[in-house]
Each structure stands twice: as C-alpha cells, then as structure tokens.
C-alpha cells in the first residue's frame, strides 16, 4: 500500500467502518419492521408482498456489500488494500475514495464490463 499515505488509509478505513455501521443499522431497522398483513383487498395484499420482496432484495444487497466491506477491511489489515486484483497495479486514491470497496482499477473494471 505504498501508493497510499497513512492518513489516506485511515480515512478510507473510517469510511468503510461508517458505511458498515450504517448498513447494519438499516438492516436492523428493516428487520424490525412488521411484515404482517391485516385486511384489505387483493391490491393491498399485492402491495404488501411487493414491499416484502423489495425489502428482501435490499437486505440481500446489503449483506453482499457488508461482506465486501469486511474483505476490504481485512485487506487493509494485511497491507494488500488498493491493489487491483486483475493487473496487480495500485488503484488510485480518488477511485478508492469514490468506491472504497473497489477491487479493480478503472482500466480493468472497464475491461471486465466489456466482457460481460
């Protein structure tokens, strides 16, 4: 991580920890919301079911992001954070600041997207 200063690493780590805390709180709040359905017509039931599906999708997305955050925090601890997993080059600080869980540099991310 020689391409990042200690202050930059600390700033990025704090961003990750805050993001993690925010996601955990939002997930906790979502889980605490009642999912029961009481009365109403078919449209009300459909709306309730659609709301449940959206909540479950959001929880799954948050779970995946939390896993990426944890993996990124481990990389910081191991001293391997900010290295592109495809080409091995340093990921520039501005990219990491915009997307702290980035695993690829911009060039490799663009290549990956072209191949999808």
Protein backbone atom coordinates (compact mmCIF):
# COMPACT_ATOMS: atom_id res chain seq x y z
CA UNK A 1 0.00 0.00 0.00
CA UNK A 2 2.94 2.30 -0.58
CA UNK A 3 0.84 4.34 -3.01
CA UNK A 4 -1.43 5.40 -0.14
CA UNK A 5 -0.39 7.55 2.81
CA UNK A 6 -1.24 6.53 6.37
CA UNK A 7 -3.75 9.37 6.51
CA UNK A 8 -5.42 8.20 3.30
CA UNK A 9 -5.61 4.62 4.58
CA UNK A 10 -7.07 5.82 7.87
CA UNK A 11 -9.62 7.99 6.08
CA UNK A 12 -10.69 5.11 3.82
CA UNK A 13 -10.86 2.71 6.76
CA UNK A 14 -13.08 5.16 8.65
CA UNK A 15 -15.32 5.50 5.59
CA UNK A 16 -15.65 1.72 5.45
CA UNK A 17 -16.43 1.43 9.15
CA UNK A 18 -19.07 4.17 8.95
CA UNK A 19 -20.62 2.54 5.87
CA UNK A 20 -20.67 -0.81 7.68
CA UNK A 21 -22.35 0.71 10.73
CA UNK A 22 -24.93 2.45 8.56
CA UNK A 23 -25.79 -0.77 6.69
CA UNK A 24 -26.04 -2.75 9.91
CA UNK A 25 -28.35 -0.14 11.41
CA UNK A 26 -30.53 -0.01 8.28
CA UNK A 27 -30.72 -3.80 8.17
CA UNK A 28 -31.61 -3.94 11.85
CA UNK A 29 -34.32 -1.32 11.32
CA UNK A 30 -35.73 -3.21 8.30
CA UNK A 31 -35.83 -6.50 10.15
CA UNK A 32 -37.67 -4.81 12.99
CA UNK A 33 -40.45 -3.59 10.68
CA UNK A 34 -43.63 -5.65 10.88
CA UNK A 35 -44.21 -7.89 7.88
CA UNK A 36 -47.72 -8.95 8.81
CA UNK A 37 -50.71 -8.24 6.67
CA UNK A 38 -54.02 -7.26 8.17
CA UNK A 39 -57.10 -6.97 5.99
CA UNK A 40 -57.62 -5.20 2.72
CA UNK A 41 -58.24 -6.35 -0.81
CA UNK A 42 -56.08 -8.12 -3.39
CA UNK A 43 -54.34 -4.91 -4.39
CA UNK A 44 -53.39 -4.24 -0.77
CA UNK A 45 -52.03 -7.78 -0.45
CA UNK A 46 -50.08 -7.40 -3.71
CA UNK A 47 -48.61 -4.11 -2.47
CA UNK A 48 -47.65 -5.74 0.82
CA UNK A 49 -46.00 -8.66 -0.98
CA UNK A 50 -44.15 -6.31 -3.36
CA UNK A 51 -42.88 -4.37 -0.35
CA UNK A 52 -41.62 -7.57 1.24
CA UNK A 53 -39.78 -8.55 -1.93
CA UNK A 54 -38.12 -5.14 -2.16
CA UNK A 55 -37.08 -5.35 1.49
CA UNK A 56 -35.63 -8.85 1.00
CA UNK A 57 -33.72 -7.73 -2.10
CA UNK A 58 -32.34 -4.75 -0.21
CA UNK A 59 -31.30 -6.93 2.72
CA UNK A 60 -29.54 -9.33 0.35
CA UNK A 61 -27.75 -6.45 -1.39
CA UNK A 62 -26.70 -5.04 1.99
CA UNK A 63 -25.44 -8.47 3.07
CA UNK A 64 -23.24 -8.67 -0.03
CA UNK A 65 -21.90 -5.15 0.49
CA UNK A 66 -21.18 -5.91 4.16
CA UNK A 67 -19.19 -8.97 3.08
CA UNK A 68 -17.19 -6.82 0.64
CA UNK A 69 -16.57 -4.24 3.36
CA UNK A 70 -15.29 -6.97 5.71
CA UNK A 71 -12.99 -8.34 3.00
CA UNK A 72 -11.71 -4.83 2.30
CA UNK A 73 -11.01 -4.19 5.99
CA UNK A 74 -9.04 -7.45 6.07
CA UNK A 75 -7.01 -6.27 3.08
CA UNK A 76 -6.19 -3.09 4.98
CA UNK A 77 -5.02 -5.19 7.94
CA UNK A 78 -2.93 -7.43 5.65
CA UNK A 79 -1.42 -4.48 3.78
CA UNK A 80 -2.87 -5.52 0.41
CA UNK A 81 -5.57 -2.87 0.11
CA UNK A 82 -5.73 -0.76 -3.02
CA UNK A 83 -4.08 -3.25 -5.35
CA UNK A 84 -6.03 -4.24 -8.48
CA UNK A 85 -6.92 -7.92 -8.31
CA UNK A 86 -6.66 -8.25 -12.09
CA UNK A 87 -3.46 -6.44 -13.09
CA UNK A 88 -1.72 -6.00 -9.72
CA UNK A 89 -1.28 -2.26 -10.18
CA UNK A 90 -2.16 0.25 -7.46
CA UNK A 91 -5.72 1.56 -7.54
CA UNK A 92 -5.55 5.38 -7.46
CA UNK A 93 -6.70 7.10 -4.27
CA UNK A 94 -9.51 9.07 -5.99
CA UNK A 95 -11.06 5.78 -7.17
CA UNK A 96 -10.79 4.27 -3.70
CA UNK A 97 -12.29 7.37 -2.15
CA UNK A 98 -15.23 7.18 -4.57
CA UNK A 99 -15.60 3.40 -4.14
CA UNK A 100 -13.66 2.18 -1.08
CA UNK A 101 -14.53 -1.47 -1.79
CA UNK A 102 -13.15 -1.33 -5.35
CA UNK A 103 -11.21 -4.47 -6.25
CA UNK A 104 -10.21 -3.35 -9.72
CA UNK A 105 -8.60 -0.27 -11.20
CA UNK A 106 -10.70 1.70 -13.70
CA UNK A 107 -8.98 0.15 -16.72
CA UNK A 108 -9.57 -3.43 -15.54
CA UNK A 109 -13.13 -2.62 -14.44
CA UNK A 110 -13.88 -1.32 -17.93
CA UNK A 111 -12.38 -4.48 -19.45
CA UNK A 112 -14.49 -6.61 -17.13
CA UNK A 113 -17.65 -4.73 -18.10
CA UNK A 114 -16.86 -5.07 -21.81
CA UNK A 115 -16.57 -8.84 -21.39
CA UNK A 116 -19.92 -9.16 -19.61
